[in-house]
PDB file of N, CA and C in Angstrom:
ATOM      1  N   MET A   1     -61.387  50.654-216.087  1.00  0.00           N
ATOM      2  CA  MET A   1     -61.561  49.232-216.315  1.00  0.00           C
ATOM      3  C   MET A   1     -60.390  48.455-215.720  1.00  0.00           C
ATOM      4  N   THR A   2     -59.176  48.944-215.898  1.00  0.00           N
ATOM      5  CA  THR A   2     -58.007  48.262-215.353  1.00  0.00           C
ATOM      6  C   THR A   2     -58.050  48.256-213.832  1.00  0.00           C
ATOM      7  N   ARG A   3     -58.491  49.376-213.250  1.00  0.00           N
ATOM      8  CA  ARG A   3     -58.570  49.455-211.792  1.00  0.00           C
ATOM      9  C   ARG A   3     -59.578  48.429-211.259  1.00  0.00           C
ATOM     10  N   PHE A   4     -60.714  48.318-211.929  1.00  0.00           N
ATOM     11  CA  PHE A   4     -61.740  47.358-211.524  1.00  0.00           C
ATOM     12  C   PHE A   4     -61.200  45.928-211.625  1.00  0.00           C
ATOM     13  N   PHE A   5     -60.489  45.631-212.697  1.00  0.00           N
ATOM     14  CA  PHE A   5     -59.894  44.311-212.894  1.00  0.00           C
ATOM     15  C   PHE A   5     -58.869  44.024-211.801  1.00  0.00           C
ATOM     16  N   GLY A   6     -58.065  45.024-211.459  1.00  0.00           N
ATOM     17  CA  GLY A   6     -57.069  44.862-210.396  1.00  0.00           C
ATOM     18  C   GLY A   6     -57.718  44.569-209.055  1.00  0.00           C
ATOM     19  N   LEU A   7     -58.841  45.232-208.765  1.00  0.00           N
ATOM     20  CA  LEU A   7     -59.553  44.977-207.509  1.00  0.00           C
ATOM     21  C   LEU A   7     -60.117  43.560-207.478  1.00  0.00           C
ATOM     22  N   LYS A   8     -60.570  43.081-208.620  1.00  0.00           N
ATOM     23  CA  LYS A   8     -61.087  41.710-208.683  1.00  0.00           C
ATOM     24  C   LYS A   8     -59.973  40.708-208.397  1.00  0.00           C
ATOM     25  N   ILE A   9     -58.797  40.953-208.936  1.00  0.00           N
ATOM     26  CA  ILE A   9     -57.655  40.057-208.715  1.00  0.00           C
ATOM     27  C   ILE A   9     -57.268  40.054-207.245  1.00  0.00           C
ATOM     28  N   ILE A  10     -57.210  41.219-206.631  1.00  0.00           N
ATOM     29  CA  ILE A  10     -56.858  41.318-205.211  1.00  0.00           C
ATOM     30  C   ILE A  10     -57.911  40.605-204.360  1.00  0.00           C
ATOM     31  N   GLY A  11     -59.177  40.831-204.671  1.00  0.00           N
ATOM     32  CA  GLY A  11     -60.256  40.168-203.936  1.00  0.00           C
ATOM     33  C   GLY A  11     -60.187  38.655-204.064  1.00  0.00           C
ATOM     34  N   LEU A  12     -59.903  38.175-205.266  1.00  0.00           N
ATOM     35  CA  LEU A  12     -59.775  36.743-205.495  1.00  0.00           C
ATOM     36  C   LEU A  12     -58.602  36.175-204.712  1.00  0.00           C
ATOM     37  N   PHE A  13     -57.498  36.899-204.678  1.00  0.00           N
ATOM     38  CA  PHE A  13     -56.317  36.462-203.935  1.00  0.00           C
ATOM     39  C   PHE A  13     -56.632  36.361-202.443  1.00  0.00           C
ATOM     40  N   ILE A  14     -57.296  37.370-201.894  1.00  0.00           N
ATOM     41  CA  ILE A  14     -57.632  37.370-200.465  1.00  0.00           C
ATOM     42  C   ILE A  14     -58.595  36.226-200.156  1.00  0.00           C
ATOM     43  N   PHE A  15     -59.580  36.022-201.008  1.00  0.00           N
ATOM     44  CA  PHE A  15     -60.542  34.938-200.809  1.00  0.00           C
ATOM     45  C   PHE A  15     -59.838  33.583-200.843  1.00  0.00           C
ATOM     46  N   SER A  16     -58.949  33.388-201.800  1.00  0.00           N
ATOM     47  CA  SER A  16     -58.210  32.128-201.905  1.00  0.00           C
ATOM     48  C   SER A  16     -57.342  31.899-200.683  1.00  0.00           C
ATOM     49  N   PHE A  17     -56.695  32.950-200.218  1.00  0.00           N
ATOM     50  CA  PHE A  17     -55.835  32.857-199.040  1.00  0.00           C
ATOM     51  C   PHE A  17     -56.663  32.499-197.808  1.00  0.00           C
ATOM     52  N   ALA A  18     -57.842  33.089-197.679  1.00  0.00           N
ATOM     53  CA  ALA A  18     -58.719  32.799-196.539  1.00  0.00           C
ATOM     54  C   ALA A  18     -59.186  31.351-196.574  1.00  0.00           C
ATOM     55  N   LEU A  19     -59.528  30.850-197.753  1.00  0.00           N
ATOM     56  CA  LEU A  19     -59.942  29.455-197.861  1.00  0.00           C
ATOM     57  C   LEU A  19     -58.803  28.514-197.521  1.00  0.00           C
ATOM     58  N   ALA A  20     -57.616  28.830-197.949  1.00  0.00           N
ATOM     59  CA  ALA A  20     -56.466  27.985-197.644  1.00  0.00           C
ATOM     60  C   ALA A  20     -56.231  27.921-196.147  1.00  0.00           C
ATOM     61  N   GLY A  21     -56.482  28.994-195.454  1.00  0.00           N
ATOM     62  CA  GLY A  21     -56.309  29.011-194.007  1.00  0.00           C
ATOM     63  C   GLY A  21     -57.326  28.149-193.293  1.00  0.00           C
ATOM     64  N   CYS A  22     -58.468  27.901-193.911  1.00  0.00           N
ATOM     65  CA  CYS A  22     -59.507  27.071-193.302  1.00  0.00           C
ATOM     66  C   CYS A  22     -59.295  25.593-193.567  1.00  0.00           C
ATOM     67  N   SER A  23     -58.395  25.253-194.445  1.00  0.00           N
ATOM     68  CA  SER A  23     -58.229  23.849-194.796  1.00  0.00           C
ATOM     69  C   SER A  23     -57.473  23.097-193.713  1.00  0.00           C
ATOM     70  N   SER A  24     -57.636  21.786-193.739  1.00  0.00           N
ATOM     71  CA  SER A  24     -56.978  20.925-192.763  1.00  0.00           C
ATOM     72  C   SER A  24     -55.516  20.739-193.142  1.00  0.00           C
ATOM     73  N   ASN A  25     -54.673  20.616-192.151  1.00  0.00           N
ATOM     74  CA  ASN A  25     -53.255  20.395-192.402  1.00  0.00           C
ATOM     75  C   ASN A  25     -52.931  18.927-192.611  1.00  0.00           C
ATOM     76  N   THR A  26     -53.848  18.033-192.266  1.00  0.00           N
ATOM     77  CA  THR A  26     -53.584  16.613-192.420  1.00  0.00           C
ATOM     78  C   THR A  26     -54.128  16.140-193.750  1.00  0.00           C
ATOM     79  N   THR A  27     -53.416  15.241-194.365  1.00  0.00           N
ATOM     80  CA  THR A  27     -53.830  14.677-195.637  1.00  0.00           C
ATOM     81  C   THR A  27     -53.999  13.181-195.457  1.00  0.00           C
ATOM     82  N   SER A  28     -55.120  12.664-195.914  1.00  0.00           N
ATOM     83  CA  SER A  28     -55.386  11.238-195.803  1.00  0.00           C
ATOM     84  C   SER A  28     -55.403  10.643-197.197  1.00  0.00           C
ATOM     85  N   VAL A  29     -54.521   9.709-197.433  1.00  0.00           N
ATOM     86  CA  VAL A  29     -54.460   9.048-198.720  1.00  0.00           C
ATOM     87  C   VAL A  29     -54.763   7.575-198.499  1.00  0.00           C
ATOM     88  N   VAL A  30     -55.748   7.073-199.215  1.00  0.00           N
ATOM     89  CA  VAL A  30     -56.097   5.664-199.116  1.00  0.00           C
ATOM     90  C   VAL A  30     -55.634   4.991-200.395  1.00  0.00           C
ATOM     91  N   GLU A  31     -54.799   4.012-200.254  1.00  0.00           N
ATOM     92  CA  GLU A  31     -54.341   3.244-201.406  1.00  0.00           C
ATOM     93  C   GLU A  31     -55.363   2.155-201.695  1.00  0.00           C
ATOM     94  N   SER A  32     -55.539   1.826-202.955  1.00  0.00           N
ATOM     95  CA  SER A  32     -56.502   0.778-203.292  1.00  0.00           C
ATOM     96  C   SER A  32     -56.087  -0.557-202.697  1.00  0.00           C
ATOM     97  N   SER A  33     -54.785  -0.763-202.470  1.00  0.00           N
ATOM     98  CA  SER A  33     -54.324  -2.012-201.871  1.00  0.00           C
ATOM     99  C   SER A  33     -54.719  -2.113-200.402  1.00  0.00           C
ATOM    100  N   ASP A  34     -55.090  -0.979-199.772  1.00  0.00           N
ATOM    101  CA  ASP A  34     -55.529  -0.975-198.378  1.00  0.00           C
ATOM    102  C   ASP A  34     -56.993  -1.365-198.236  1.00  0.00           C
ATOM    103  N   CYS A  35     -57.698  -1.506-199.331  1.00  0.00           N
ATOM    104  CA  CYS A  35     -59.133  -1.773-199.286  1.00  0.00           C
ATOM    105  C   CYS A  35     -59.411  -3.270-199.177  1.00  0.00           C
ATOM    106  N   PRO A  36     -60.371  -3.639-198.312  1.00  0.00           N
ATOM    107  CA  PRO A  36     -60.817  -5.035-198.309  1.00  0.00           C
ATOM    108  C   PRO A  36     -61.389  -5.378-199.683  1.00  0.00           C
ATOM    109  N   LYS A  37     -61.170  -6.584-200.130  1.00  0.00           N
ATOM    110  CA  LYS A  37     -61.635  -7.006-201.453  1.00  0.00           C
ATOM    111  C   LYS A  37     -63.019  -7.637-201.367  1.00  0.00           C
ATOM    112  N   VAL A  38     -63.840  -7.341-202.353  1.00  0.00           N
ATOM    113  CA  VAL A  38     -65.150  -7.966-202.516  1.00  0.00           C
ATOM    114  C   VAL A  38     -65.071  -8.767-203.806  1.00  0.00           C
ATOM    115  N   ASP A  39     -65.142 -10.086-203.686  1.00  0.00           N
ATOM    116  CA  ASP A  39     -64.947 -10.976-204.828  1.00  0.00           C
ATOM    117  C   ASP A  39     -66.253 -11.176-205.593  1.00  0.00           C
ATOM    118  N   LEU A  40     -66.436 -10.394-206.647  1.00  0.00           N
ATOM    119  CA  LEU A  40     -67.651 -10.490-207.462  1.00  0.00           C
ATOM    120  C   LEU A  40     -67.589 -11.637-208.461  1.00  0.00           C
ATOM    121  N   THR A  41     -66.433 -12.307-208.572  1.00  0.00           N
ATOM    122  CA  THR A  41     -66.319 -13.423-209.516  1.00  0.00           C
ATOM    123  C   THR A  41     -67.120 -14.631-209.058  1.00  0.00           C
ATOM    124  N   GLN A  42     -67.572 -14.630-207.805  1.00  0.00           N
ATOM    125  CA  GLN A  42     -68.378 -15.737-207.290  1.00  0.00           C
ATOM    126  C   GLN A  42     -69.794 -15.730-207.862  1.00  0.00           C
ATOM    127  N   ILE A  43     -70.204 -14.614-208.444  1.00  0.00           N
ATOM    128  CA  ILE A  43     -71.568 -14.494-208.959  1.00  0.00           C
ATOM    129  C   ILE A  43     -71.690 -15.289-210.249  1.00  0.00           C
ATOM    130  N   ASN A  44     -72.678 -16.161-210.322  1.00  0.00           N
ATOM    131  CA  ASN A  44     -72.912 -16.990-211.494  1.00  0.00           C
ATOM    132  C   ASN A  44     -73.685 -16.169-212.527  1.00  0.00           C
ATOM    133  N   ALA A  45     -72.980 -15.680-213.521  1.00  0.00           N
ATOM    134  CA  ALA A  45     -73.587 -14.793-214.521  1.00  0.00           C
ATOM    135  C   ALA A  45     -74.562 -15.522-215.433  1.00  0.00           C
ATOM    136  N   THR A  46     -74.536 -16.854-215.448  1.00  0.00           N
ATOM    137  CA  THR A  46     -75.443 -17.593-216.327  1.00  0.00           C
ATOM    138  C   THR A  46     -76.795 -17.869-215.672  1.00  0.00           C
ATOM    139  N   ALA A  47     -76.930 -17.546-214.398  1.00  0.00           N
ATOM    140  CA  ALA A  47     -78.209 -17.762-213.713  1.00  0.00           C
ATOM    141  C   ALA A  47     -79.269 -16.834-214.293  1.00  0.00           C
ATOM    142  N   ASP A  48     -80.552 -17.248-214.166  1.00  0.00           N
ATOM    143  CA  ASP A  48     -81.600 -16.343-214.648  1.00  0.00           C
ATOM    144  C   ASP A  48     -81.601 -15.090-213.786  1.00  0.00           C
ATOM    145  N   SER A  49     -82.267 -14.055-214.243  1.00  0.00           N
ATOM    146  CA  SER A  49     -82.127 -12.738-213.616  1.00  0.00           C
ATOM    147  C   SER A  49     -82.520 -12.725-212.146  1.00  0.00           C
ATOM    148  N   ALA A  50     -83.574 -13.432-211.756  1.00  0.00           N
ATOM    149  CA  ALA A  50     -83.987 -13.435-210.346  1.00  0.00           C
ATOM    150  C   ALA A  50     -82.915 -14.081-209.479  1.00  0.00           C
ATOM    151  N   ASP A  51     -82.382 -15.216-209.937  1.00  0.00           N
ATOM    152  CA  ASP A  51     -81.318 -15.883-209.181  1.00  0.00           C
ATOM    153  C   ASP A  51     -80.059 -15.028-209.139  1.00  0.00           C
ATOM    154  N   TYR A  52     -79.751 -14.379-210.259  1.00  0.00           N
ATOM    155  CA  TYR A  52     -78.557 -13.532-210.308  1.00  0.00           C
ATOM    156  C   TYR A  52     -78.639 -12.426-209.267  1.00  0.00           C
ATOM    157  N   PHE A  53     -79.777 -11.731-209.195  1.00  0.00           N
ATOM    158  CA  PHE A  53     -79.920 -10.634-208.243  1.00  0.00           C
ATOM    159  C   PHE A  53     -79.806 -11.127-206.810  1.00  0.00           C
ATOM    160  N   ASP A  54     -80.476 -12.238-206.502  1.00  0.00           N
ATOM    161  CA  ASP A  54     -80.404 -12.780-205.142  1.00  0.00           C
ATOM    162  C   ASP A  54     -78.982 -13.201-204.790  1.00  0.00           C
ATOM    163  N   GLN A  55     -78.354 -13.920-205.706  1.00  0.00           N
ATOM    164  CA  GLN A  55     -76.998 -14.409-205.478  1.00  0.00           C
ATOM    165  C   GLN A  55     -76.017 -13.248-205.341  1.00  0.00           C
ATOM    166  N   ALA A  56     -76.116 -12.284-206.225  1.00  0.00           N
ATOM    167  CA  ALA A  56     -75.206 -11.135-206.189  1.00  0.00           C
ATOM    168  C   ALA A  56     -75.365 -10.351-204.893  1.00  0.00           C
ATOM    169  N   ALA A  57     -76.602 -10.096-204.478  1.00  0.00           N
ATOM    170  CA  ALA A  57     -76.836  -9.323-203.254  1.00  0.00           C
ATOM    171  C   ALA A  57     -76.291 -10.041-202.027  1.00  0.00           C
ATOM    172  N   LYS A  58     -76.490 -11.357-201.953  1.00  0.00           N
ATOM    173  CA  LYS A  58     -75.975 -12.122-200.807  1.00  0.00           C
ATOM    174  C   LYS A  58     -74.452 -12.073-200.750  1.00  0.00           C
ATOM    175  N   ILE A  59     -73.822 -12.239-201.890  1.00  0.00           N
ATOM    176  CA  ILE A  59     -72.356 -12.216-201.932  1.00  0.00           C
ATOM    177  C   ILE A  59     -71.829 -10.832-201.580  1.00  0.00           C
ATOM    178  N   VAL A  60     -72.411  -9.793-202.180  1.00  0.00           N
ATOM    179  CA  VAL A  60     -71.953  -8.426-201.909  1.00  0.00           C
ATOM    180  C   VAL A  60     -72.148  -8.081-200.437  1.00  0.00           C
ATOM    181  N   GLU A  61     -73.304  -8.420-199.879  1.00  0.00           N
ATOM    182  CA  GLU A  61     -73.557  -8.093-198.473  1.00  0.00           C
ATOM    183  C   GLU A  61     -72.583  -8.833-197.555  1.00  0.00           C
ATOM    184  N   LYS A  62     -72.361 -10.111-197.825  1.00  0.00           N
ATOM    185  CA  LYS A  62     -71.433 -10.897-196.994  1.00  0.00           C
ATOM    186  C   LYS A  62     -70.004 -10.363-197.109  1.00  0.00           C
ATOM    187  N   GLU A  63     -69.548 -10.157-198.336  1.00  0.00           N
ATOM    188  CA  GLU A  63     -68.161  -9.747-198.561  1.00  0.00           C
ATOM    189  C   GLU A  63     -67.889  -8.318-198.093  1.00  0.00           C
ATOM    190  N   SER A  64     -68.889  -7.452-198.147  1.00  0.00           N
ATOM    191  CA  SER A  64     -68.661  -6.045-197.788  1.00  0.00           C
ATOM    192  C   SER A  64     -68.738  -5.791-196.281  1.00  0.00           C
ATOM    193  N   GLN A  65     -69.058  -6.801-195.490  1.00  0.00           N
ATOM    194  CA  GLN A  65     -69.113  -6.615-194.038  1.00  0.00           C
ATOM    195  C   GLN A  65     -67.748  -6.226-193.470  1.00  0.00           C
ATOM    196  N   SER A  66     -66.683  -6.534-194.199  1.00  0.00           N
ATOM    197  CA  SER A  66     -65.339  -6.151-193.736  1.00  0.00           C
ATOM    198  C   SER A  66     -65.138  -4.636-193.767  1.00  0.00           C
ATOM    199  N   PHE A  67     -66.059  -3.898-194.396  1.00  0.00           N
ATOM    200  CA  PHE A  67     -65.983  -2.433-194.412  1.00  0.00           C
ATOM    201  C   PHE A  67     -66.482  -1.814-193.108  1.00  0.00           C
ATOM    202  N   ILE A  68     -67.241  -2.574-192.319  1.00  0.00           N
ATOM    203  CA  ILE A  68     -67.790  -2.030-191.074  1.00  0.00           C
ATOM    204  C   ILE A  68     -66.645  -1.648-190.139  1.00  0.00           C
ATOM    205  N   GLY A  69     -66.763  -0.462-189.560  1.00  0.00           N
ATOM    206  CA  GLY A  69     -65.726   0.050-188.665  1.00  0.00           C
ATOM    207  C   GLY A  69     -64.768   1.017-189.341  1.00  0.00           C
ATOM    208  N   LEU A  70     -64.851   1.114-190.674  1.00  0.00           N
ATOM    209  CA  LEU A  70     -64.013   2.061-191.413  1.00  0.00           C
ATOM    210  C   LEU A  70     -64.745   3.393-191.522  1.00  0.00           C
ATOM    211  N   THR A  71     -64.024   4.442-191.895  1.00  0.00           N
ATOM    212  CA  THR A  71     -64.658   5.747-192.068  1.00  0.00           C
ATOM    213  C   THR A  71     -65.534   5.738-193.320  1.00  0.00           C
ATOM    214  N   GLU A  72     -66.483   6.651-193.351  1.00  0.00           N
ATOM    215  CA  GLU A  72     -67.382   6.758-194.501  1.00  0.00           C
ATOM    216  C   GLU A  72     -66.604   6.994-195.793  1.00  0.00           C
ATOM    217  N   ALA A  73     -65.640   7.901-195.760  1.00  0.00           N
ATOM    218  CA  ALA A  73     -64.864   8.219-196.969  1.00  0.00           C
ATOM    219  C   ALA A  73     -64.079   7.004-197.452  1.00  0.00           C
ATOM    220  N   ARG A  74     -63.509   6.261-196.513  1.00  0.00           N
ATOM    221  CA  ARG A  74     -62.725   5.092-196.911  1.00  0.00           C
ATOM    222  C   ARG A  74     -63.633   4.013-197.497  1.00  0.00           C
ATOM    223  N   VAL A  75     -64.800   3.806-196.903  1.00  0.00           N
ATOM    224  CA  VAL A  75     -65.728   2.805-197.433  1.00  0.00           C
ATOM    225  C   VAL A  75     -66.196   3.203-198.830  1.00  0.00           C
ATOM    226  N   GLU A  76     -66.483   4.489-199.032  1.00  0.00           N
ATOM    227  CA  GLU A  76     -66.891   4.937-200.369  1.00  0.00           C
ATOM    228  C   GLU A  76     -65.778   4.684-201.379  1.00  0.00           C
ATOM    229  N   PHE A  77     -64.549   5.025-201.020  1.00  0.00           N
ATOM    230  CA  PHE A  77     -63.408   4.801-201.910  1.00  0.00           C
ATOM    231  C   PHE A  77     -63.244   3.311-202.202  1.00  0.00           C
ATOM    232  N   CYS A  78     -63.287   2.491-201.155  1.00  0.00           N
ATOM    233  CA  CYS A  78     -63.090   1.052-201.326  1.00  0.00           C
ATOM    234  C   CYS A  78     -64.234   0.417-202.113  1.00  0.00           C
ATOM    235  N   ALA A  79     -65.449   0.902-201.924  1.00  0.00           N
ATOM    236  CA  ALA A  79     -66.576   0.391-202.710  1.00  0.00           C
ATOM    237  C   ALA A  79     -66.324   0.649-204.194  1.00  0.00           C
ATOM    238  N   LEU A  80     -65.893   1.842-204.518  1.00  0.00           N
ATOM    239  CA  LEU A  80     -65.615   2.172-205.920  1.00  0.00           C
ATOM    240  C   LEU A  80     -64.460   1.334-206.465  1.00  0.00           C
ATOM    241  N   GLN A  81     -63.444   1.066-205.631  1.00  0.00           N
ATOM    242  CA  GLN A  81     -62.325   0.227-206.052  1.00  0.00           C
ATOM    243  C   GLN A  81     -62.775  -1.207-206.330  1.00  0.00           C
ATOM    244  N   ASN A  82     -63.851  -1.626-205.683  1.00  0.00           N
ATOM    245  CA  ASN A  82     -64.392  -2.973-205.866  1.00  0.00           C
ATOM    246  C   ASN A  82     -65.563  -3.006-206.849  1.00  0.00           C
ATOM    247  N   ASP A  83     -65.738  -1.936-207.615  1.00  0.00           N
ATOM    248  CA  ASP A  83     -66.821  -1.830-208.603  1.00  0.00           C
ATOM    249  C   ASP A  83     -68.208  -1.960-207.972  1.00  0.00           C
ATOM    250  N   LEU A  84     -68.364  -1.407-206.784  1.00  0.00           N
ATOM    251  CA  LEU A  84     -69.652  -1.404-206.103  1.00  0.00           C
ATOM    252  C   LEU A  84     -70.217   0.003-206.094  1.00  0.00           C
ATOM    253  N   GLY A  85     -71.525   0.089-206.195  1.00  0.00           N
ATOM    254  CA  GLY A  85     -72.182   1.373-205.994  1.00  0.00           C
ATOM    255  C   GLY A  85     -72.183   1.690-204.506  1.00  0.00           C
ATOM    256  N   PHE A  86     -72.384   2.946-204.157  1.00  0.00           N
ATOM    257  CA  PHE A  86     -72.314   3.374-202.753  1.00  0.00           C
ATOM    258  C   PHE A  86     -73.355   4.451-202.500  1.00  0.00           C
ATOM    259  N   ARG A  87     -74.025   4.344-201.356  1.00  0.00           N
ATOM    260  CA  ARG A  87     -74.899   5.425-200.913  1.00  0.00           C
ATOM    261  C   ARG A  87     -75.044   5.340-199.393  1.00  0.00           C
ATOM    262  N   VAL A  88     -75.402   6.462-198.802  1.00  0.00           N
ATOM    263  CA  VAL A  88     -75.582   6.542-197.357  1.00  0.00           C
ATOM    264  C   VAL A  88     -77.075   6.478-197.065  1.00  0.00           C
ATOM    265  N   GLY A  89     -77.471   5.517-196.231  1.00  0.00           N
ATOM    266  CA  GLY A  89     -78.868   5.383-195.835  1.00  0.00           C
ATOM    267  C   GLY A  89     -79.206   6.249-194.637  1.00  0.00           C
ATOM    268  N   SER A  90     -78.264   6.329-193.696  1.00  0.00           N
ATOM    269  CA  SER A  90     -78.460   7.193-192.528  1.00  0.00           C
ATOM    270  C   SER A  90     -77.106   7.664-192.027  1.00  0.00           C
ATOM    271  N   ARG A  91     -77.130   8.853-191.435  1.00  0.00           N
ATOM    272  CA  ARG A  91     -75.911   9.421-190.856  1.00  0.00           C
ATOM    273  C   ARG A  91     -76.294  10.060-189.525  1.00  0.00           C
ATOM    274  N   ASP A  92     -75.672   9.580-188.455  1.00  0.00           N
ATOM    275  CA  ASP A  92     -75.893  10.109-187.101  1.00  0.00           C
ATOM    276  C   ASP A  92     -77.377  10.202-186.754  1.00  0.00           C
ATOM    277  N   GLY A  93     -78.123   9.148-187.078  1.00  0.00           N
ATOM    278  CA  GLY A  93     -79.539   9.083-186.735  1.00  0.00           C
ATOM    279  C   GLY A  93     -80.477   9.750-187.722  1.00  0.00           C
ATOM    280  N   GLU A  94     -79.950  10.454-188.709  1.00  0.00           N
ATOM    281  CA  GLU A  94     -80.782  11.101-189.729  1.00  0.00           C
ATOM    282  C   GLU A  94     -80.883  10.168-190.938  1.00  0.00           C
ATOM    283  N   PHE A  95     -82.108   9.770-191.269  1.00  0.00           N
ATOM    284  CA  PHE A  95     -82.329   8.867-192.392  1.00  0.00           C
ATOM    285  C   PHE A  95     -82.574   9.675-193.659  1.00  0.00           C
ATOM    286  N   PHE A  96     -82.050   9.167-194.773  1.00  0.00           N
ATOM    287  CA  PHE A  96     -82.163   9.856-196.047  1.00  0.00           C
ATOM    288  C   PHE A  96     -83.151   9.134-196.960  1.00  0.00           C
ATOM    289  N   ALA A  97     -83.810   9.897-197.811  1.00  0.00           N
ATOM    290  CA  ALA A  97     -84.704   9.309-198.805  1.00  0.00           C
ATOM    291  C   ALA A  97     -83.855   8.557-199.826  1.00  0.00           C
ATOM    292  N   LEU A  98     -84.254   7.336-200.112  1.00  0.00           N
ATOM    293  CA  LEU A  98     -83.506   6.505-201.053  1.00  0.00           C
ATOM    294  C   LEU A  98     -84.425   6.063-202.180  1.00  0.00           C
ATOM    295  N   THR A  99     -83.846   5.817-203.330  1.00  0.00           N
ATOM    296  CA  THR A  99     -84.628   5.311-204.452  1.00  0.00           C
ATOM    297  C   THR A  99     -84.985   3.852-204.192  1.00  0.00           C
ATOM    298  N   MET A 100     -86.029   3.382-204.820  1.00  0.00           N
ATOM    299  CA  MET A 100     -86.488   2.007-204.623  1.00  0.00           C
ATOM    300  C   MET A 100     -85.904   1.043-205.657  1.00  0.00           C
ATOM    301  N   ASP A 101     -85.027   1.525-206.533  1.00  0.00           N
ATOM    302  CA  ASP A 101     -84.428   0.621-207.505  1.00  0.00           C
ATOM    303  C   ASP A 101     -83.515  -0.367-206.783  1.00  0.00           C
ATOM    304  N   TYR A 102     -83.424  -1.566-207.298  1.00  0.00           N
ATOM    305  CA  TYR A 102     -82.657  -2.631-206.653  1.00  0.00           C
ATOM    306  C   TYR A 102     -81.423  -2.918-207.485  1.00  0.00           C
ATOM    307  N   ILE A 103     -80.269  -2.595-206.938  1.00  0.00           N
ATOM    308  CA  ILE A 103     -78.999  -2.836-207.616  1.00  0.00           C
ATOM    309  C   ILE A 103     -78.173  -3.717-206.684  1.00  0.00           C
ATOM    310  N   PRO A 104     -78.024  -5.001-206.988  1.00  0.00           N
ATOM    311  CA  PRO A 104     -77.378  -5.920-206.052  1.00  0.00           C
ATOM    312  C   PRO A 104     -75.905  -5.634-205.805  1.00  0.00           C
ATOM    313  N   THR A 105     -75.282  -4.894-206.693  1.00  0.00           N
ATOM    314  CA  THR A 105     -73.867  -4.571-206.499  1.00  0.00           C
ATOM    315  C   THR A 105     -73.671  -3.159-205.958  1.00  0.00           C
ATOM    316  N   ARG A 106     -74.666  -2.676-205.233  1.00  0.00           N
ATOM    317  CA  ARG A 106     -74.563  -1.374-204.563  1.00  0.00           C
ATOM    318  C   ARG A 106     -74.707  -1.618-203.067  1.00  0.00           C
ATOM    319  N   ILE A 107     -73.928  -0.888-202.275  1.00  0.00           N
ATOM    320  CA  ILE A 107     -74.075  -0.998-200.830  1.00  0.00           C
ATOM    321  C   ILE A 107     -74.678   0.289-200.275  1.00  0.00           C
ATOM    322  N   THR A 108     -75.535   0.108-199.285  1.00  0.00           N
ATOM    323  CA  THR A 108     -76.133   1.221-198.554  1.00  0.00           C
ATOM    324  C   THR A 108     -75.594   1.140-197.140  1.00  0.00           C
ATOM    325  N   VAL A 109     -74.985   2.221-196.674  1.00  0.00           N
ATOM    326  CA  VAL A 109     -74.331   2.190-195.364  1.00  0.00           C
ATOM    327  C   VAL A 109     -75.039   3.104-194.372  1.00  0.00           C
ATOM    328  N   ASP A 110     -74.958   2.716-193.104  1.00  0.00           N
ATOM    329  CA  ASP A 110     -75.379   3.565-191.998  1.00  0.00           C
ATOM    330  C   ASP A 110     -74.105   4.051-191.327  1.00  0.00           C
ATOM    331  N   VAL A 111     -74.061   5.344-191.016  1.00  0.00           N
ATOM    332  CA  VAL A 111     -72.852   5.970-190.476  1.00  0.00           C
ATOM    333  C   VAL A 111     -73.168   6.624-189.135  1.00  0.00           C
ATOM    334  N   GLU A 112     -72.318   6.392-188.148  1.00  0.00           N
ATOM    335  CA  GLU A 112     -72.402   7.060-186.846  1.00  0.00           C
ATOM    336  C   GLU A 112     -71.039   7.670-186.546  1.00  0.00           C
ATOM    337  N   LYS A 113     -71.006   8.978-186.362  1.00  0.00           N
ATOM    338  CA  LYS A 113     -69.762   9.701-186.053  1.00  0.00           C
ATOM    339  C   LYS A 113     -68.654   9.356-187.049  1.00  0.00           C
ATOM    340  N   ASN A 114     -69.002   9.354-188.330  1.00  0.00           N
ATOM    341  CA  ASN A 114     -68.095   9.140-189.452  1.00  0.00           C
ATOM    342  C   ASN A 114     -67.610   7.692-189.592  1.00  0.00           C
ATOM    343  N   ILE A 115     -68.161   6.762-188.819  1.00  0.00           N
ATOM    344  CA  ILE A 115     -67.780   5.359-188.900  1.00  0.00           C
ATOM    345  C   ILE A 115     -68.969   4.555-189.429  1.00  0.00           C
ATOM    346  N   VAL A 116     -68.711   3.686-190.402  1.00  0.00           N
ATOM    347  CA  VAL A 116     -69.760   2.841-190.966  1.00  0.00           C
ATOM    348  C   VAL A 116     -70.113   1.754-189.954  1.00  0.00           C
ATOM    349  N   THR A 117     -71.405   1.672-189.608  1.00  0.00           N
ATOM    350  CA  THR A 117     -71.857   0.720-188.592  1.00  0.00           C
ATOM    351  C   THR A 117     -72.719  -0.405-189.158  1.00  0.00           C
ATOM    352  N   LYS A 118     -73.250  -0.219-190.365  1.00  0.00           N
ATOM    353  CA  LYS A 118     -74.110  -1.239-190.965  1.00  0.00           C
ATOM    354  C   LYS A 118     -74.028  -1.128-192.477  1.00  0.00           C
ATOM    355  N   ILE A 119     -74.082  -2.280-193.149  1.00  0.00           N
ATOM    356  CA  ILE A 119     -74.034  -2.309-194.614  1.00  0.00           C
ATOM    357  C   ILE A 119     -75.101  -3.270-195.119  1.00  0.00           C
ATOM    358  N   GLN A 120     -75.841  -2.820-196.131  1.00  0.00           N
ATOM    359  CA  GLN A 120     -76.822  -3.662-196.809  1.00  0.00           C
ATOM    360  C   GLN A 120     -76.571  -3.584-198.306  1.00  0.00           C
ATOM    361  N   ALA A 121     -76.776  -4.696-198.982  1.00  0.00           N
ATOM    362  CA  ALA A 121     -76.645  -4.710-200.438  1.00  0.00           C
ATOM    363  C   ALA A 121     -77.994  -4.412-201.068  1.00  0.00           C
ATOM    364  N   GLY A 122     -77.960  -3.864-202.262  1.00  0.00           N
ATOM    365  CA  GLY A 122     -79.193  -3.595-202.996  1.00  0.00           C
ATOM    366  C   GLY A 122     -79.404  -2.160-203.111  1.00  0.00           C
TER     367      GLY A 122
END
C-alpha cells in the first residue's frame, strides 16, 4: 500500500511539473482602473419597465463601445468591473447559440483573433 501511494505521489509530481512547463512565462494583470467606465447611473430607474429596458440597453451599448479593440479577456474583466453581464456571440467567424432572454445590462461581443470587434447590449 505504501509503495502504491509513493508511486501516486511521484506520478502527481511529474504531471504537475509537465503542466508547469506548458504554461506561459508572461503574466497579464489588468487593473480595474485600466478599464473604460460604463456609467449606469444615467439609467432612469423610475421609468416603466419597457422604457427602462430600452434606455438601459441604449446607454450600455453606447458606453461599452470603448471596449472595441481590446482583448476578449480584458473586455470580460472590464465588463464585470462595470457590473455588466458578458457573453461571446461569435469568435473567429464561428457563431455560438445564445439564449433569447433580454438583459439590457449584458454585452454580447464578437471576437476576431482575440480582439473584440463588435458589441451589442441585451
